[in-house]
Amino acid sequence: MEMDLVYNPMAGSFSERRLLALVRALERQGANVNLLPTRADGAVLSGKADLVCVHGGDGTLRDTVQTLGGDAGKVPLCIAPSGTINLVARELGYARDPRKFARQVSEAWARGPDGWIDAPLYTLGGMPVVACLSIGADSHAVAEVSGALKKWIGRLAYVVAIMRQLRRWPREKLAIKGELADGTPFETTAEAVIASHGALYAGPFRLSPRAALQADSVELITLDRSSRMTTLAFALAALLRMPIARLGLAEIRTVRRVTFDRCVSPVQVDGDHMPDCAYAIGPSGMSLRYVI
């Protein structure tokens, strides 16, 4: 098996020793591994791999999918967790231990594609969304996260960023419309938006019981008011695994398309700040294939 191993040396829990242990473990399982570090402008691929393995977080996975472009639905993927949160890898059940991970992938490869997991790919404009995106206080905080601090303290860097913006809390109403999963149109307004394609958000937290990577839909969570107190209540409910919709803290819709009334920025996509304008979320027409 020819494998591209894309790794992010700036990922939250990256270790060169662990990377080398991962390469050895994969080679013992028969893989010919091409080591490819990410660059400032994204991921680099050989173009000849049977399987692309991502050693990083959700952002590194997104960059890899973007580099694959039209081949994203053809070249299978696997994820060796090494990022700050790793939502996709956590949901799919990939092991962090290199030897266990290599065995997982080798056994799944031997079983063949009928046993792999297909995940319909959604995009924000032309940007792939592999796990989630958000607009509001959360995205403003991510825009302020220090890369050096994130490398040092991991996900706590997001908490530090939220604390820093308490004095200038952002609130701006958006008009939103789109199409539910059953084709019904909808319209709403919100000061904060989360679109979750995967089951998890910000770690082990599940905001909607219907969210799943394999679903051909996105869970749209909207907060009509996003004050400091309502956002705190929302976060505590998620932390305590309480039903945010039934508590009246947010509305949850299962959607296939979402359009915003104007350019929204900043936007958080898969844990990273996206400075470009965003207007719409929708299906790409492709499905990612995870070897697991």
C-alpha atoms as a PDB file:
ATOM      1  CA  MET A   1       0.000   0.000   0.000  1.00  0.00           C
ATOM      2  CA  GLU A   2       1.334   3.431  -0.980  1.00  0.00           C
ATOM      3  CA  MET A   3       0.484   5.928   1.783  1.00  0.00           C
ATOM      4  CA  ASP A   4       0.855   9.697   2.065  1.00  0.00           C
ATOM      5  CA  LEU A   5       1.266  10.615   5.736  1.00  0.00           C
ATOM      6  CA  VAL A   6       0.369  14.297   5.986  1.00  0.00           C
ATOM      7  CA  TYR A   7       1.456  15.714   9.334  1.00  0.00           C
ATOM      8  CA  ASN A   8       1.153  19.104  10.963  1.00  0.00           C
ATOM      9  CA  PRO A   9       4.279  19.950  13.013  1.00  0.00           C
ATOM     10  CA  MET A  10       2.322  22.800  14.635  1.00  0.00           C
ATOM     11  CA  ALA A  11      -0.605  20.607  15.769  1.00  0.00           C
ATOM     12  CA  GLY A  12      -1.636  20.818  19.417  1.00  0.00           C
ATOM     13  CA  SER A  13      -0.073  17.550  20.579  1.00  0.00           C
ATOM     14  CA  PHE A  14       2.501  16.956  17.819  1.00  0.00           C
ATOM     15  CA  SER A  15       5.578  14.933  18.819  1.00  0.00           C
ATOM     16  CA  GLU A  16       8.358  14.011  16.397  1.00  0.00           C
ATOM     17  CA  ARG A  17       9.063  10.881  18.411  1.00  0.00           C
ATOM     18  CA  ARG A  18       5.421   9.844  18.127  1.00  0.00           C
ATOM     19  CA  LEU A  19       5.461  10.593  14.384  1.00  0.00           C
ATOM     20  CA  LEU A  20       8.446   8.274  13.882  1.00  0.00           C
ATOM     21  CA  ALA A  21       6.765   5.591  16.011  1.00  0.00           C
ATOM     22  CA  LEU A  22       3.680   5.946  13.801  1.00  0.00           C
ATOM     23  CA  VAL A  23       5.766   5.528  10.627  1.00  0.00           C
ATOM     24  CA  ARG A  24       7.436   2.392  12.018  1.00  0.00           C
ATOM     25  CA  ALA A  25       4.070   0.930  13.047  1.00  0.00           C
ATOM     26  CA  LEU A  26       2.549   1.589   9.614  1.00  0.00           C
ATOM     27  CA  GLU A  27       5.564   0.142   7.827  1.00  0.00           C
ATOM     28  CA  ARG A  28       5.319  -3.037   9.919  1.00  0.00           C
ATOM     29  CA  GLN A  29       1.781  -3.385   8.562  1.00  0.00           C
ATOM     30  CA  GLY A  30       3.113  -3.229   4.998  1.00  0.00           C
ATOM     31  CA  ALA A  31       2.635   0.461   4.132  1.00  0.00           C
ATOM     32  CA  ASN A  32       5.154   2.398   2.042  1.00  0.00           C
ATOM     33  CA  VAL A  33       4.958   5.763   3.849  1.00  0.00           C
ATOM     34  CA  ASN A  34       5.621   9.135   2.200  1.00  0.00           C
ATOM     35  CA  LEU A  35       6.120  11.759   4.931  1.00  0.00           C
ATOM     36  CA  LEU A  36       4.620  15.116   3.911  1.00  0.00           C
ATOM     37  CA  PRO A  37       4.607  18.068   6.353  1.00  0.00           C
ATOM     38  CA  THR A  38       1.967  20.758   5.918  1.00  0.00           C
ATOM     39  CA  ARG A  39       3.030  24.247   4.883  1.00  0.00           C
ATOM     40  CA  ALA A  40       1.674  27.700   5.635  1.00  0.00           C
ATOM     41  CA  ASP A  41      -0.443  27.504   2.473  1.00  0.00           C
ATOM     42  CA  GLY A  42      -1.908  24.068   3.291  1.00  0.00           C
ATOM     43  CA  ALA A  43      -1.262  20.379   2.726  1.00  0.00           C
ATOM     44  CA  VAL A  44       0.983  18.809   0.093  1.00  0.00           C
ATOM     45  CA  LEU A  45       0.300  15.387  -1.454  1.00  0.00           C
ATOM     46  CA  SER A  46       2.295  13.049  -3.690  1.00  0.00           C
ATOM     47  CA  GLY A  47      -0.622  12.366  -6.048  1.00  0.00           C
ATOM     48  CA  LYS A  48       0.155   8.634  -6.154  1.00  0.00           C
ATOM     49  CA  ALA A  49      -1.081   7.367  -2.767  1.00  0.00           C
ATOM     50  CA  ASP A  50      -3.599   4.550  -2.346  1.00  0.00           C
ATOM     51  CA  LEU A  51      -4.448   5.954   1.090  1.00  0.00           C
ATOM     52  CA  VAL A  52      -3.912   9.412   2.603  1.00  0.00           C
ATOM     53  CA  CYS A  53      -3.324   9.419   6.354  1.00  0.00           C
ATOM     54  CA  VAL A  54      -3.651  12.684   8.276  1.00  0.00           C
ATOM     55  CA  HIS A  55      -1.541  13.055  11.433  1.00  0.00           C
ATOM     56  CA  GLY A  56      -3.060  16.192  12.908  1.00  0.00           C
ATOM     57  CA  GLY A  57      -6.365  17.728  13.940  1.00  0.00           C
ATOM     58  CA  ASP A  58      -9.553  18.669  12.129  1.00  0.00           C
ATOM     59  CA  GLY A  59      -7.880  21.679  10.519  1.00  0.00           C
ATOM     60  CA  THR A  60      -5.147  19.511   8.994  1.00  0.00           C
ATOM     61  CA  LEU A  61      -7.806  17.092   7.735  1.00  0.00           C
ATOM     62  CA  ARG A  62      -9.716  20.009   6.155  1.00  0.00           C
ATOM     63  CA  ASP A  63      -6.540  21.307   4.463  1.00  0.00           C
ATOM     64  CA  THR A  64      -5.851  17.818   3.095  1.00  0.00           C
ATOM     65  CA  VAL A  65      -9.387  17.505   1.727  1.00  0.00           C
ATOM     66  CA  GLN A  66      -9.052  20.917   0.106  1.00  0.00           C
ATOM     67  CA  THR A  67      -5.776  19.864  -1.546  1.00  0.00           C
ATOM     68  CA  LEU A  68      -7.431  16.677  -2.841  1.00  0.00           C
ATOM     69  CA  GLY A  69     -10.072  18.826  -4.551  1.00  0.00           C
ATOM     70  CA  GLY A  70     -12.136  16.746  -6.961  1.00  0.00           C
ATOM     71  CA  ASP A  71     -10.336  13.574  -5.839  1.00  0.00           C
ATOM     72  CA  ALA A  72     -11.615  13.966  -2.261  1.00  0.00           C
ATOM     73  CA  GLY A  73     -14.403  11.505  -2.969  1.00  0.00           C
ATOM     74  CA  LYS A  74     -12.042   8.959  -4.546  1.00  0.00           C
ATOM     75  CA  VAL A  75      -8.916   8.758  -2.358  1.00  0.00           C
ATOM     76  CA  PRO A  76      -9.629   7.083   1.011  1.00  0.00           C
ATOM     77  CA  LEU A  77      -8.520   8.755   4.247  1.00  0.00           C
ATOM     78  CA  CYS A  78      -7.544   7.831   7.781  1.00  0.00           C
ATOM     79  CA  ILE A  79      -6.686  10.020  10.775  1.00  0.00           C
ATOM     80  CA  ALA A  80      -3.916   9.486  13.329  1.00  0.00           C
ATOM     81  CA  PRO A  81      -5.002  12.000  16.024  1.00  0.00           C
ATOM     82  CA  SER A  82      -2.489  14.731  16.830  1.00  0.00           C
ATOM     83  CA  GLY A  83      -4.512  17.943  16.986  1.00  0.00           C
ATOM     84  CA  THR A  84      -6.010  20.111  19.690  1.00  0.00           C
ATOM     85  CA  ILE A  85      -9.476  18.519  19.706  1.00  0.00           C
ATOM     86  CA  ASN A  86      -9.727  15.893  16.878  1.00  0.00           C
ATOM     87  CA  LEU A  87     -13.524  15.764  16.539  1.00  0.00           C
ATOM     88  CA  VAL A  88     -13.604  13.566  13.420  1.00  0.00           C
ATOM     89  CA  ALA A  89     -11.002  11.093  14.715  1.00  0.00           C
ATOM     90  CA  ARG A  90     -12.819  10.900  18.053  1.00  0.00           C
ATOM     91  CA  GLU A  91     -16.182  10.203  16.429  1.00  0.00           C
ATOM     92  CA  LEU A  92     -14.743   7.521  14.135  1.00  0.00           C
ATOM     93  CA  GLY A  93     -12.860   5.817  16.968  1.00  0.00           C
ATOM     94  CA  TYR A  94      -9.277   6.057  15.719  1.00  0.00           C
ATOM     95  CA  ALA A  95      -6.732   5.029  18.365  1.00  0.00           C
ATOM     96  CA  ARG A  96      -4.071   7.491  19.549  1.00  0.00           C
ATOM     97  CA  ASP A  97      -1.512   4.730  20.193  1.00  0.00           C
ATOM     98  CA  PRO A  98       0.555   4.299  16.965  1.00  0.00           C
ATOM     99  CA  ARG A  99       0.605   0.484  17.036  1.00  0.00           C
ATOM    100  CA  LYS A 100      -3.125   0.186  17.727  1.00  0.00           C
ATOM    101  CA  PHE A 101      -3.851   2.766  15.038  1.00  0.00           C
ATOM    102  CA  ALA A 102      -1.703   0.958  12.448  1.00  0.00           C
ATOM    103  CA  ARG A 103      -3.502  -2.323  13.195  1.00  0.00           C
ATOM    104  CA  GLN A 104      -6.903  -0.601  12.904  1.00  0.00           C
ATOM    105  CA  VAL A 105      -6.064   0.790   9.468  1.00  0.00           C
ATOM    106  CA  SER A 106      -4.431  -2.414   8.218  1.00  0.00           C
ATOM    107  CA  GLU A 107      -7.415  -4.543   9.253  1.00  0.00           C
ATOM    108  CA  ALA A 108      -9.903  -2.062   7.744  1.00  0.00           C
ATOM    109  CA  TRP A 109      -7.904  -1.949   4.514  1.00  0.00           C
ATOM    110  CA  ALA A 110      -7.937  -5.744   4.322  1.00  0.00           C
ATOM    111  CA  ARG A 111     -11.731  -5.817   4.809  1.00  0.00           C
ATOM    112  CA  GLY A 112     -12.162  -3.583   1.779  1.00  0.00           C
ATOM    113  CA  PRO A 113     -14.234  -0.487   0.943  1.00  0.00           C
ATOM    114  CA  ASP A 114     -17.606  -2.061   1.744  1.00  0.00           C
ATOM    115  CA  GLY A 115     -16.705  -1.769   5.438  1.00  0.00           C
ATOM    116  CA  TRP A 116     -15.385   1.800   5.359  1.00  0.00           C
ATOM    117  CA  ILE A 117     -17.342   4.868   6.468  1.00  0.00           C
ATOM    118  CA  ASP A 118     -18.710   7.339   3.908  1.00  0.00           C
ATOM    119  CA  ALA A 119     -19.238  10.913   5.106  1.00  0.00           C
ATOM    120  CA  PRO A 120     -21.022  13.345   2.734  1.00  0.00           C
ATOM    121  CA  LEU A 121     -18.857  16.447   2.398  1.00  0.00           C
ATOM    122  CA  TYR A 122     -20.371  19.881   3.012  1.00  0.00           C
ATOM    123  CA  THR A 123     -18.739  23.181   2.147  1.00  0.00           C
ATOM    124  CA  LEU A 124     -18.863  26.800   3.264  1.00  0.00           C
ATOM    125  CA  GLY A 125     -18.568  28.524  -0.087  1.00  0.00           C
ATOM    126  CA  GLY A 126     -15.595  26.649  -1.551  1.00  0.00           C
ATOM    127  CA  MET A 127     -14.173  25.660   1.853  1.00  0.00           C
ATOM    128  CA  PRO A 128     -14.604  22.021   2.982  1.00  0.00           C
ATOM    129  CA  VAL A 129     -16.158  21.585   6.421  1.00  0.00           C
ATOM    130  CA  VAL A 130     -15.102  18.224   7.875  1.00  0.00           C
ATOM    131  CA  ALA A 131     -16.535  18.713  11.381  1.00  0.00           C
ATOM    132  CA  CYS A 132     -18.155  22.062  12.208  1.00  0.00           C
ATOM    133  CA  LEU A 133     -18.252  25.809  11.831  1.00  0.00           C
ATOM    134  CA  SER A 134     -19.470  28.685  13.964  1.00  0.00           C
ATOM    135  CA  ILE A 135     -20.297  32.374  13.669  1.00  0.00           C
ATOM    136  CA  GLY A 136     -20.557  34.699  16.651  1.00  0.00           C
ATOM    137  CA  ALA A 137     -18.686  35.035  19.940  1.00  0.00           C
ATOM    138  CA  ASP A 138     -17.054  31.644  19.359  1.00  0.00           C
ATOM    139  CA  SER A 139     -15.643  32.592  15.944  1.00  0.00           C
ATOM    140  CA  HIS A 140     -14.452  35.968  17.239  1.00  0.00           C
ATOM    141  CA  ALA A 141     -12.570  34.151  20.010  1.00  0.00           C
ATOM    142  CA  VAL A 142     -10.973  31.714  17.558  1.00  0.00           C
ATOM    143  CA  ALA A 143      -9.834  34.684  15.449  1.00  0.00           C
ATOM    144  CA  GLU A 144      -7.941  35.931  18.526  1.00  0.00           C
ATOM    145  CA  VAL A 145      -6.322  32.608  19.477  1.00  0.00           C
ATOM    146  CA  SER A 146      -2.544  32.736  19.603  1.00  0.00           C
ATOM    147  CA  GLY A 147      -0.890  29.928  17.652  1.00  0.00           C
ATOM    148  CA  ALA A 148       1.983  29.773  20.127  1.00  0.00           C
ATOM    149  CA  LEU A 149      -0.412  29.613  23.080  1.00  0.00           C
ATOM    150  CA  LYS A 150      -2.468  26.912  21.335  1.00  0.00           C
ATOM    151  CA  LYS A 151       0.706  24.861  20.849  1.00  0.00           C
ATOM    152  CA  TRP A 152       1.574  25.308  24.530  1.00  0.00           C
ATOM    153  CA  ILE A 153      -1.750  24.747  26.323  1.00  0.00           C
ATOM    154  CA  GLY A 154      -3.960  23.171  23.645  1.00  0.00           C
ATOM    155  CA  ARG A 155      -7.713  23.765  23.844  1.00  0.00           C
ATOM    156  CA  LEU A 156      -7.313  26.053  26.876  1.00  0.00           C
ATOM    157  CA  ALA A 157      -6.080  28.692  24.412  1.00  0.00           C
ATOM    158  CA  TYR A 158      -9.714  29.032  23.255  1.00  0.00           C
ATOM    159  CA  VAL A 159     -10.827  29.670  26.857  1.00  0.00           C
ATOM    160  CA  VAL A 160      -8.175  32.384  27.194  1.00  0.00           C
ATOM    161  CA  ALA A 161      -9.415  34.026  23.983  1.00  0.00           C
ATOM    162  CA  ILE A 162     -13.043  33.994  25.180  1.00  0.00           C
ATOM    163  CA  MET A 163     -12.020  35.597  28.488  1.00  0.00           C
ATOM    164  CA  ARG A 164     -10.149  38.351  26.649  1.00  0.00           C
ATOM    165  CA  GLN A 165     -13.196  39.376  24.640  1.00  0.00           C
ATOM    166  CA  LEU A 166     -15.632  39.579  27.571  1.00  0.00           C
ATOM    167  CA  ARG A 167     -15.259  43.371  27.661  1.00  0.00           C
ATOM    168  CA  ARG A 168     -16.141  43.804  23.967  1.00  0.00           C
ATOM    169  CA  TRP A 169     -18.640  41.019  23.466  1.00  0.00           C
ATOM    170  CA  PRO A 170     -19.673  40.782  19.768  1.00  0.00           C
ATOM    171  CA  ARG A 171     -23.383  40.691  18.906  1.00  0.00           C
ATOM    172  CA  GLU A 172     -24.780  41.077  15.404  1.00  0.00           C
ATOM    173  CA  LYS A 173     -28.076  39.757  14.065  1.00  0.00           C
ATOM    174  CA  LEU A 174     -28.023  37.637  10.900  1.00  0.00           C
ATOM    175  CA  ALA A 175     -30.953  36.790   8.643  1.00  0.00           C
ATOM    176  CA  ILE A 176     -30.730  33.129   7.633  1.00  0.00           C
ATOM    177  CA  LYS A 177     -32.700  31.020   5.206  1.00  0.00           C
ATOM    178  CA  GLY A 178     -32.281  27.618   3.645  1.00  0.00           C
ATOM    179  CA  GLU A 179     -33.633  24.144   3.093  1.00  0.00           C
ATOM    180  CA  LEU A 180     -34.335  21.493   5.700  1.00  0.00           C
ATOM    181  CA  ALA A 181     -33.235  17.894   5.085  1.00  0.00           C
ATOM    182  CA  ASP A 182     -36.753  17.042   3.876  1.00  0.00           C
ATOM    183  CA  GLY A 183     -36.723  19.905   1.352  1.00  0.00           C
ATOM    184  CA  THR A 184     -38.879  22.324   3.365  1.00  0.00           C
ATOM    185  CA  PRO A 185     -37.669  25.950   3.192  1.00  0.00           C
ATOM    186  CA  PHE A 186     -37.032  27.858   6.425  1.00  0.00           C
ATOM    187  CA  GLU A 187     -36.130  31.365   7.548  1.00  0.00           C
ATOM    188  CA  THR A 188     -34.840  32.608  10.902  1.00  0.00           C
ATOM    189  CA  THR A 189     -32.586  35.197  12.555  1.00  0.00           C
ATOM    190  CA  ALA A 190     -29.738  34.631  14.988  1.00  0.00           C
ATOM    191  CA  GLU A 191     -26.849  36.328  16.758  1.00  0.00           C
ATOM    192  CA  ALA A 192     -24.818  33.096  16.877  1.00  0.00           C
ATOM    193  CA  VAL A 193     -24.731  30.085  14.570  1.00  0.00           C
ATOM    194  CA  ILE A 194     -23.163  26.626  14.817  1.00  0.00           C
ATOM    195  CA  ALA A 195     -23.290  24.205  11.899  1.00  0.00           C
ATOM    196  CA  SER A 196     -22.250  20.751  13.053  1.00  0.00           C
ATOM    197  CA  HIS A 197     -21.706  18.072  10.420  1.00  0.00           C
ATOM    198  CA  GLY A 198     -20.191  15.601  12.873  1.00  0.00           C
ATOM    199  CA  ALA A 199     -21.684  14.296  16.090  1.00  0.00           C
ATOM    200  CA  LEU A 200     -19.307  16.219  18.363  1.00  0.00           C
ATOM    201  CA  TYR A 201     -18.498  19.852  19.041  1.00  0.00           C
ATOM    202  CA  ALA A 202     -15.603  21.375  21.021  1.00  0.00           C
ATOM    203  CA  GLY A 203     -14.518  17.955  22.309  1.00  0.00           C
ATOM    204  CA  PRO A 204     -16.860  15.241  23.614  1.00  0.00           C
ATOM    205  CA  PHE A 205     -19.988  17.432  23.506  1.00  0.00           C
ATOM    206  CA  ARG A 206     -22.995  16.478  21.378  1.00  0.00           C
ATOM    207  CA  LEU A 207     -25.285  19.434  20.654  1.00  0.00           C
ATOM    208  CA  SER A 208     -27.806  17.521  18.547  1.00  0.00           C
ATOM    209  CA  PRO A 209     -28.709  13.835  18.917  1.00  0.00           C
ATOM    210  CA  ARG A 210     -29.149  13.632  15.118  1.00  0.00           C
ATOM    211  CA  ALA A 211     -25.649  14.841  14.205  1.00  0.00           C
ATOM    212  CA  ALA A 212     -23.368  12.256  12.536  1.00  0.00           C
ATOM    213  CA  LEU A 213     -20.613  12.270   9.931  1.00  0.00           C
ATOM    214  CA  GLN A 214     -22.515   9.697   7.884  1.00  0.00           C
ATOM    215  CA  ALA A 215     -25.661  11.859   7.693  1.00  0.00           C
ATOM    216  CA  ASP A 216     -26.285  13.721   4.435  1.00  0.00           C
ATOM    217  CA  SER A 217     -27.265  16.811   6.390  1.00  0.00           C
ATOM    218  CA  VAL A 218     -25.938  19.399   8.824  1.00  0.00           C
ATOM    219  CA  GLU A 219     -27.292  20.268  12.260  1.00  0.00           C
ATOM    220  CA  LEU A 220     -27.882  24.030  12.338  1.00  0.00           C
ATOM    221  CA  ILE A 221     -27.900  25.395  15.896  1.00  0.00           C
ATOM    222  CA  THR A 222     -28.985  29.023  16.173  1.00  0.00           C
ATOM    223  CA  LEU A 223     -29.091  31.364  19.173  1.00  0.00           C
ATOM    224  CA  ASP A 224     -31.527  34.219  18.666  1.00  0.00           C
ATOM    225  CA  ARG A 225     -29.778  36.169  21.450  1.00  0.00           C
ATOM    226  CA  SER A 226     -26.088  35.642  22.188  1.00  0.00           C
ATOM    227  CA  SER A 227     -25.412  37.748  25.273  1.00  0.00           C
ATOM    228  CA  ARG A 228     -22.724  36.806  27.776  1.00  0.00           C
ATOM    229  CA  MET A 229     -25.305  35.162  30.052  1.00  0.00           C
ATOM    230  CA  THR A 230     -27.157  33.218  27.331  1.00  0.00           C
ATOM    231  CA  THR A 231     -23.854  32.006  25.887  1.00  0.00           C
ATOM    232  CA  LEU A 232     -22.696  30.899  29.335  1.00  0.00           C
ATOM    233  CA  ALA A 233     -25.988  29.054  29.898  1.00  0.00           C
ATOM    234  CA  PHE A 234     -25.616  27.373  26.487  1.00  0.00           C
ATOM    235  CA  ALA A 235     -22.037  26.297  27.260  1.00  0.00           C
ATOM    236  CA  LEU A 236     -22.985  24.923  30.686  1.00  0.00           C
ATOM    237  CA  ALA A 237     -25.887  22.961  29.208  1.00  0.00           C
ATOM    238  CA  ALA A 238     -23.546  21.429  26.608  1.00  0.00           C
ATOM    239  CA  LEU A 239     -20.980  20.642  29.314  1.00  0.00           C
ATOM    240  CA  LEU A 240     -23.622  18.925  31.439  1.00  0.00           C
ATOM    241  CA  ARG A 241     -25.083  17.140  28.390  1.00  0.00           C
ATOM    242  CA  MET A 242     -28.461  18.796  28.832  1.00  0.00           C
ATOM    243  CA  PRO A 243     -30.928  19.244  25.892  1.00  0.00           C
ATOM    244  CA  ILE A 244     -30.192  22.781  24.699  1.00  0.00           C
ATOM    245  CA  ALA A 245     -33.250  22.965  22.417  1.00  0.00           C
ATOM    246  CA  ARG A 246     -35.737  21.737  25.035  1.00  0.00           C
ATOM    247  CA  LEU A 247     -34.295  24.252  27.518  1.00  0.00           C
ATOM    248  CA  GLY A 248     -35.013  27.052  25.019  1.00  0.00           C
ATOM    249  CA  LEU A 249     -31.335  27.992  24.718  1.00  0.00           C
ATOM    250  CA  ALA A 250     -31.174  27.405  20.966  1.00  0.00           C
ATOM    251  CA  GLU A 251     -33.100  26.128  17.964  1.00  0.00           C
ATOM    252  CA  ILE A 252     -31.827  23.047  16.149  1.00  0.00           C
ATOM    253  CA  ARG A 253     -32.688  22.266  12.529  1.00  0.00           C
ATOM    254  CA  THR A 254     -31.491  19.400  10.340  1.00  0.00           C
ATOM    255  CA  VAL A 255     -30.625  21.149   7.073  1.00  0.00           C
ATOM    256  CA  ARG A 256     -29.056  20.606   3.662  1.00  0.00           C
ATOM    257  CA  ARG A 257     -28.563  24.232   2.626  1.00  0.00           C
ATOM    258  CA  VAL A 258     -28.075  27.504   4.508  1.00  0.00           C
ATOM    259  CA  THR A 259     -27.745  31.022   3.107  1.00  0.00           C
ATOM    260  CA  PHE A 260     -26.799  34.165   5.043  1.00  0.00           C
ATOM    261  CA  ASP A 261     -28.136  37.585   4.146  1.00  0.00           C
ATOM    262  CA  ARG A 262     -24.657  39.099   3.837  1.00  0.00           C
ATOM    263  CA  CYS A 263     -20.967  38.352   4.104  1.00  0.00           C
ATOM    264  CA  VAL A 264     -20.186  36.943   7.540  1.00  0.00           C
ATOM    265  CA  SER A 265     -16.737  37.187   9.098  1.00  0.00           C
ATOM    266  CA  PRO A 266     -14.945  35.991  11.135  1.00  0.00           C
ATOM    267  CA  VAL A 267     -15.992  32.341  10.787  1.00  0.00           C
ATOM    268  CA  GLN A 268     -14.556  29.384  12.695  1.00  0.00           C
ATOM    269  CA  VAL A 269     -14.173  26.276  10.521  1.00  0.00           C
ATOM    270  CA  ASP A 270     -12.855  23.045  12.077  1.00  0.00           C
ATOM    271  CA  GLY A 271     -11.156  24.947  14.894  1.00  0.00           C
ATOM    272  CA  ASP A 272      -9.471  27.564  12.696  1.00  0.00           C
ATOM    273  CA  HIS A 273     -10.197  31.197  11.873  1.00  0.00           C
ATOM    274  CA  MET A 274     -11.345  31.761   8.294  1.00  0.00           C
ATOM    275  CA  PRO A 275     -10.906  35.449   7.377  1.00  0.00           C
ATOM    276  CA  ASP A 276     -12.718  35.290   4.028  1.00  0.00           C
ATOM    277  CA  CYS A 277     -16.377  36.137   3.477  1.00  0.00           C
ATOM    278  CA  ALA A 278     -18.912  33.333   3.738  1.00  0.00           C
ATOM    279  CA  TYR A 279     -22.460  33.344   2.383  1.00  0.00           C
ATOM    280  CA  ALA A 280     -23.730  29.753   2.161  1.00  0.00           C
ATOM    281  CA  ILE A 281     -23.399  26.159   3.401  1.00  0.00           C
ATOM    282  CA  GLY A 282     -24.326  23.257   1.137  1.00  0.00           C
ATOM    283  CA  PRO A 283     -23.442  19.745  -0.068  1.00  0.00           C
ATOM    284  CA  SER A 284     -20.385  19.338  -2.294  1.00  0.00           C
ATOM    285  CA  GLY A 285     -21.755  16.294  -4.114  1.00  0.00           C
ATOM    286  CA  MET A 286     -18.856  14.166  -2.798  1.00  0.00           C
ATOM    287  CA  SER A 287     -18.437  11.853   0.194  1.00  0.00           C
ATOM    288  CA  LEU A 288     -15.198  11.362   2.104  1.00  0.00           C
ATOM    289  CA  ARG A 289     -14.224   7.727   2.666  1.00  0.00           C
ATOM    290  CA  TYR A 290     -12.645   6.902   6.016  1.00  0.00           C
ATOM    291  CA  VAL A 291     -10.747   3.621   6.377  1.00  0.00           C
ATOM    292  CA  ILE A 292     -11.809   2.385   9.822  1.00  0.00           C
END
